[in-house]
Protein backbone atom coordinates (compact mmCIF):
# COMPACT_ATOMS: atom_id res chain seq x y z
CA MET A 1 85.03 107.75 116.85
CA LYS A 2 83.04 110.59 115.08
CA GLN A 3 81.72 110.00 111.52
CA LYS A 4 83.63 112.68 109.98
CA ASP A 5 86.82 111.45 111.81
CA LEU A 6 86.36 107.95 110.40
CA LYS A 7 85.93 109.13 106.70
CA LYS A 8 88.60 111.26 106.85
CA HIS A 9 91.15 108.14 108.22
CA LEU A 10 89.38 106.07 105.58
CA LEU A 11 90.14 108.28 102.62
CA SER A 12 93.45 109.35 103.75
CA LYS A 13 94.65 106.09 102.80
CA PRO A 14 96.69 105.90 99.16
CA LEU A 15 94.37 105.76 96.50
CA ALA A 16 91.29 105.16 98.60
CA THR A 17 87.90 106.14 97.00
CA LYS A 18 84.33 105.91 98.13
CA GLU A 19 81.39 104.88 96.36
CA TYR A 20 77.89 104.28 96.92
CA PRO A 21 76.60 101.04 94.67
CA PHE A 22 73.92 100.20 96.62
CA GLY A 23 72.14 103.77 96.77
CA PRO A 24 72.94 106.46 99.40
CA GLU A 25 73.84 103.74 102.04
CA PRO A 26 75.98 102.09 102.94
CA MET A 27 79.28 104.12 101.74
CA VAL A 28 81.92 101.54 100.39
CA VAL A 29 85.55 102.27 100.59
CA LYS A 30 87.81 100.87 97.98
CA VAL A 31 91.25 100.70 97.13
CA MET A 32 92.21 99.88 93.48
CA SER A 33 88.49 98.88 93.10
CA LYS A 34 88.83 96.34 96.23
CA MET A 35 86.65 96.83 99.27
CA PHE A 36 88.30 97.48 102.56
CA ALA A 37 85.51 99.11 104.38
CA LEU A 38 81.77 99.29 104.38
CA VAL A 39 80.39 101.98 106.53
CA SER A 40 76.79 102.27 107.37
CA VAL A 41 76.69 106.06 107.50
CA ASP A 42 72.95 106.49 108.26
CA GLU A 43 72.64 104.26 111.38
CA ASN A 44 73.08 105.59 114.81
CA PRO A 45 75.44 104.19 116.35
CA LEU A 46 77.13 104.14 113.13
CA ARG A 47 78.73 100.50 111.85
CA ILE A 48 81.69 99.71 109.78
CA THR A 49 82.50 96.41 108.13
CA LEU A 50 86.19 95.70 108.04
CA LYS A 51 88.48 92.96 106.51
CA CYS A 52 90.48 91.16 109.25
CA ASP A 53 92.83 88.07 109.56
CA PRO A 54 90.58 85.11 110.60
CA GLU A 55 92.73 84.68 114.17
CA ASP A 56 92.34 88.49 114.82
CA ALA A 57 88.78 88.51 113.80
CA GLN A 58 87.83 85.85 116.49
CA ILE A 59 89.85 87.48 119.34
CA GLN A 60 88.39 90.87 118.46
CA ARG A 61 84.91 89.27 118.91
CA ALA A 62 85.81 87.77 122.13
CA MET A 63 87.34 91.04 123.46
CA TYR A 64 84.45 93.46 122.33
CA ASP A 65 80.67 92.87 122.22
CA SER A 66 80.43 95.60 119.63
CA ILE A 67 82.51 93.55 117.04
CA ARG A 68 80.44 90.69 115.42
CA PRO A 69 81.01 88.57 112.20
CA GLY A 70 80.52 90.77 109.13
CA TYR A 71 77.03 91.31 108.28
CA HIS A 72 76.23 89.78 104.57
CA MET A 73 80.06 89.09 104.21
CA ASN A 74 82.46 86.01 104.68
CA LYS A 75 82.01 85.82 108.36
CA GLU A 76 85.65 84.40 108.81
CA HIS A 77 87.28 87.23 106.90
CA TRP A 78 85.25 90.36 107.93
CA ASN A 79 84.07 92.04 111.21
CA THR A 80 81.12 94.43 111.51
CA ILE A 81 81.94 96.80 114.21
CA THR A 82 79.24 98.99 115.96
CA CYS A 83 80.76 102.39 116.97
CA ASP A 84 79.31 103.03 120.24
CA ASP A 85 82.39 104.23 122.05
CA SER A 86 83.38 100.67 123.76
CA ILE A 87 86.08 100.51 121.51
CA PRO A 88 89.11 103.09 121.66
CA ASP A 89 89.62 105.46 118.67
CA ASP A 90 93.22 104.21 118.17
CA VAL A 91 92.17 100.50 118.13
CA LEU A 92 89.41 101.23 115.46
CA THR A 93 92.23 103.05 113.51
CA GLN A 94 94.40 100.12 113.85
CA MET A 95 91.45 97.73 112.48
CA ILE A 96 91.00 100.04 109.73
CA ASP A 97 94.68 100.04 108.83
CA GLU A 98 94.89 96.36 109.00
CA SER A 99 91.81 96.16 106.68
CA TYR A 100 93.47 98.32 103.97
CA LYS A 101 96.68 96.75 104.47
CA LEU A 102 94.92 92.90 103.90
CA VAL A 103 93.36 94.23 100.68
CA VAL A 104 96.56 95.92 99.33
CA LYS A 105 98.44 92.43 100.03
CA GLY A 106 96.00 90.92 97.72
CA LEU A 107 96.44 93.32 94.74
CA LYS A 108 98.71 92.68 91.82
CA LYS A 109 102.24 93.62 92.30
CA GLN A 110 102.07 96.70 89.85
CA ASP A 111 99.15 97.88 91.81
CA ARG A 112 101.11 97.58 95.18
CA GLU A 113 103.85 99.41 93.84
CA LYS A 114 101.93 102.21 92.82
CA ILE A 115 100.71 102.40 96.21
CA MET A 116 104.09 102.31 97.78
CA LYS A 117 105.23 105.06 95.48
CA ILE A 118 102.27 107.27 96.84
CA LYS A 119 103.19 106.11 100.44
CA THR A 120 106.76 107.09 99.99
CA LYS A 121 106.22 110.59 98.12
CA ARG A 122 103.54 111.55 101.10
CA LYS A 123 106.12 110.44 103.47
CA ASN A 124 108.75 112.72 101.72
CA SER A 125 106.55 115.54 101.74
CA HIS A 126 105.54 115.33 105.21
CA GLU A 127 109.06 115.14 106.42
CA GLU A 128 110.03 118.43 104.17
CA ASN A 129 107.01 119.97 105.63
CA ILE A 130 108.42 119.34 108.99
CA ASN A 131 112.01 120.30 108.35
CA PRO A 132 111.86 122.34 105.23
CA PRO A 133 115.60 122.80 103.96
CA ASN A 134 117.38 125.88 104.55
CA LYS A 135 114.83 127.27 107.10
CA PRO A 136 116.48 129.92 108.88
CA ALA A 137 115.05 128.52 112.38
CA ASP A 138 117.11 125.64 111.50
CA ARG A 139 120.35 127.09 111.01
CA HIS A 140 122.76 127.94 113.65
CA ILE A 141 124.00 131.31 113.36
CA ASN A 142 126.76 132.85 115.56
CA ILE A 143 126.61 136.28 116.01
CA LEU A 144 130.01 137.43 117.39
CA THR A 145 130.17 140.92 118.62
CA HIS A 146 133.49 142.55 119.05
CA THR A 147 134.58 145.56 120.93
CA GLN A 148 137.41 147.15 120.69
CA ASN A 149 139.24 148.63 123.68
CA TYR A 150 141.27 151.76 123.07
CA ASP A 151 143.86 152.71 125.63
CA THR A 152 144.76 156.25 125.20
């Protein structure tokens, strides 16, 4: 996955913010002040550390050589992924989504509800953009042509 696409996906999450608490590198992505991703943007290949379910973490490490226990993190709950194209983009996207969900799950109920409102609002907005109300193309217009036949 390209760095631009990775950043775009990370920051598309409701209330996701990026910070650089350690200097210009790494980029830390948080939701409600809780980290769900740490991206080593200056490394080639790019590395990203994500929160994960402990069982999933073990399975992912067994499946891919480019996934290792989280660097400088709790090895049980975090994986570091080297983005060397050995992991399909959709799998990496799924890991990011799971990391975000796990962090959101640990937030206070009030904060989770705030995120759900944003998600609902985005979903409704997206649906309106796909199917705007009263869009002429969506209406079925029957044009009847009448011909009169005059017998003379």
